[in-house]
Amino acid sequence: MASKPAEFSIVTDDDGGRLLVSVRGELDLATAPQLEAVLFPALERGGRVLVDLRELAFMDSSGVRAIVAAHMRANGDGARFAVVRPEGGTEVWRIIEVSGLDAELRLLDDPESF
C-alpha cells in the first residue's frame, strides 16, 4: 500500500533580509494560489525570496506557473528570487527539468548561500 503524501503546507521564515518559503506536500491547481499569496507580496516589495522545494512531493503545471510567475516578478522589480533544488531523481525535479526551469531559475543546493 502506497503511503499518503504529506498534507500541503507553507512555512515561512523572515529574517528581515530574506524570506525563506518552505513548501511541503502537493503543489497543484488547488494549492498554487496559496503559494502565490505568500510569494508575490514579498517580491513586489523588492525582497529576497527563497523557495525550498525539498519537501515537495508533487508539482503540476499550476505549480510550475506559480514558480515562473514569481521568477518573472523578481526580474522586473529588482527583487531576488531563487529556489532550493529538490533532490535529483524525484518527481518534482523531473518536472523542473522537463519544463526547462533548471536553465531559467536560480537553483541553490544550500539555502544559506542566498
Protein backbone atom coordinates (compact mmCIF):
# COMPACT_ATOMS: atom_id res chain seq x y z
CA MET A 1 0.00 0.00 0.00
CA ALA A 2 1.42 3.40 -1.00
CA SER A 3 1.81 5.98 1.71
CA LYS A 4 -0.39 9.05 1.63
CA PRO A 5 1.50 12.24 0.63
CA ALA A 6 2.07 14.87 3.28
CA GLU A 7 -0.64 17.49 3.58
CA PHE A 8 0.17 20.73 1.78
CA SER A 9 1.79 23.38 3.92
CA ILE A 10 3.82 26.54 3.58
CA VAL A 11 6.19 27.56 6.34
CA THR A 12 7.87 30.95 6.17
CA ASP A 13 10.92 32.30 7.95
CA ASP A 14 11.51 36.03 7.52
CA ASP A 15 14.84 37.11 8.95
CA GLY A 16 14.34 40.71 7.85
CA GLY A 17 16.52 40.42 4.80
CA ARG A 18 15.34 37.19 3.26
CA LEU A 19 12.05 35.32 3.19
CA LEU A 20 12.52 31.55 3.19
CA VAL A 21 9.38 29.76 1.98
CA SER A 22 9.36 26.01 2.59
CA VAL A 23 6.70 24.11 0.64
CA ARG A 24 5.56 20.61 1.56
CA GLY A 25 3.06 18.18 0.05
CA GLU A 26 1.45 18.71 -3.36
CA LEU A 27 1.66 21.98 -5.29
CA ASP A 28 -1.21 21.88 -7.74
CA LEU A 29 -4.27 23.77 -9.01
CA ALA A 30 -5.80 23.83 -5.53
CA THR A 31 -2.67 24.94 -3.64
CA ALA A 32 -0.71 27.12 -6.09
CA PRO A 33 -2.75 30.24 -5.20
CA GLN A 34 -1.66 29.84 -1.57
CA LEU A 35 1.99 29.90 -2.63
CA GLU A 36 1.41 32.91 -4.86
CA ALA A 37 -0.25 34.76 -1.96
CA VAL A 38 2.97 34.36 0.03
CA LEU A 39 5.49 35.00 -2.76
CA PHE A 40 4.02 37.87 -4.76
CA PRO A 41 3.70 40.50 -1.99
CA ALA A 42 7.27 39.87 -0.83
CA LEU A 43 8.59 40.17 -4.38
CA GLU A 44 6.55 43.29 -5.06
CA ARG A 45 8.25 44.90 -2.05
CA GLY A 46 11.61 44.14 -3.69
CA GLY A 47 12.57 41.44 -1.22
CA ARG A 48 14.83 38.43 -1.40
CA VAL A 49 12.67 35.31 -1.62
CA LEU A 50 13.93 31.74 -1.48
CA VAL A 51 11.54 28.84 -2.11
CA ASP A 52 12.56 25.48 -0.67
CA LEU A 53 11.10 22.59 -2.71
CA ARG A 54 12.97 19.75 -0.98
CA GLU A 55 9.86 18.56 0.89
CA LEU A 56 7.52 18.90 -2.09
CA ALA A 57 6.11 15.52 -3.15
CA PHE A 58 4.29 16.60 -6.33
CA MET A 59 4.03 19.63 -8.59
CA ASP A 60 1.76 20.02 -11.61
CA SER A 61 1.63 22.76 -14.27
CA SER A 62 -0.12 25.12 -11.84
CA GLY A 63 2.85 24.86 -9.51
CA VAL A 64 5.24 25.45 -12.40
CA ARG A 65 3.19 28.51 -13.37
CA ALA A 66 3.38 29.90 -9.81
CA ILE A 67 7.17 29.45 -9.72
CA VAL A 68 7.60 31.03 -13.17
CA ALA A 69 5.34 33.96 -12.24
CA ALA A 70 7.38 34.58 -9.10
CA HIS A 71 10.61 34.41 -11.11
CA MET A 72 9.23 36.93 -13.62
CA ARG A 73 8.09 39.33 -10.88
CA ALA A 74 11.55 39.27 -9.34
CA ASN A 75 13.21 40.04 -12.65
CA GLY A 76 11.04 43.11 -13.18
CA ASP A 77 11.08 44.69 -9.74
CA GLY A 78 14.65 44.41 -8.53
CA ALA A 79 13.69 41.64 -6.10
CA ARG A 80 15.77 38.48 -5.89
CA PHE A 81 14.23 35.03 -6.27
CA ALA A 82 15.81 31.61 -6.00
CA VAL A 83 14.75 28.02 -5.46
CA VAL A 84 16.35 25.36 -3.27
CA ARG A 85 16.86 22.47 -5.64
CA PRO A 86 14.77 19.37 -4.94
CA GLU A 87 16.68 16.12 -4.88
CA GLY A 88 17.64 14.69 -8.24
CA GLY A 89 15.52 11.80 -9.43
CA THR A 90 12.38 12.96 -7.65
CA GLU A 91 9.16 13.70 -9.50
CA VAL A 92 9.45 17.39 -8.69
CA TRP A 93 12.99 17.55 -10.08
CA ARG A 94 11.85 15.79 -13.27
CA ILE A 95 9.09 18.41 -13.71
CA ILE A 96 11.66 21.20 -13.32
CA GLU A 97 13.95 19.57 -15.89
CA VAL A 98 11.23 18.75 -18.41
CA SER A 99 9.77 22.25 -18.21
CA GLY A 100 13.22 23.80 -18.77
CA LEU A 101 13.14 25.63 -15.45
CA ASP A 102 16.51 24.20 -14.48
CA ALA A 103 18.05 26.51 -17.10
CA GLU A 104 15.96 29.56 -16.15
CA LEU A 105 15.76 29.60 -12.36
CA ARG A 106 18.49 30.35 -9.88
CA LEU A 107 18.74 26.93 -8.22
CA LEU A 108 20.67 26.52 -4.98
CA ASP A 109 21.74 23.44 -3.07
CA ASP A 110 22.30 25.35 0.16
CA PRO A 111 19.64 27.78 1.44
CA GLU A 112 22.27 29.64 3.45
CA SER A 113 24.05 30.72 0.26
CA PHE A 114 21.26 33.17 -0.68
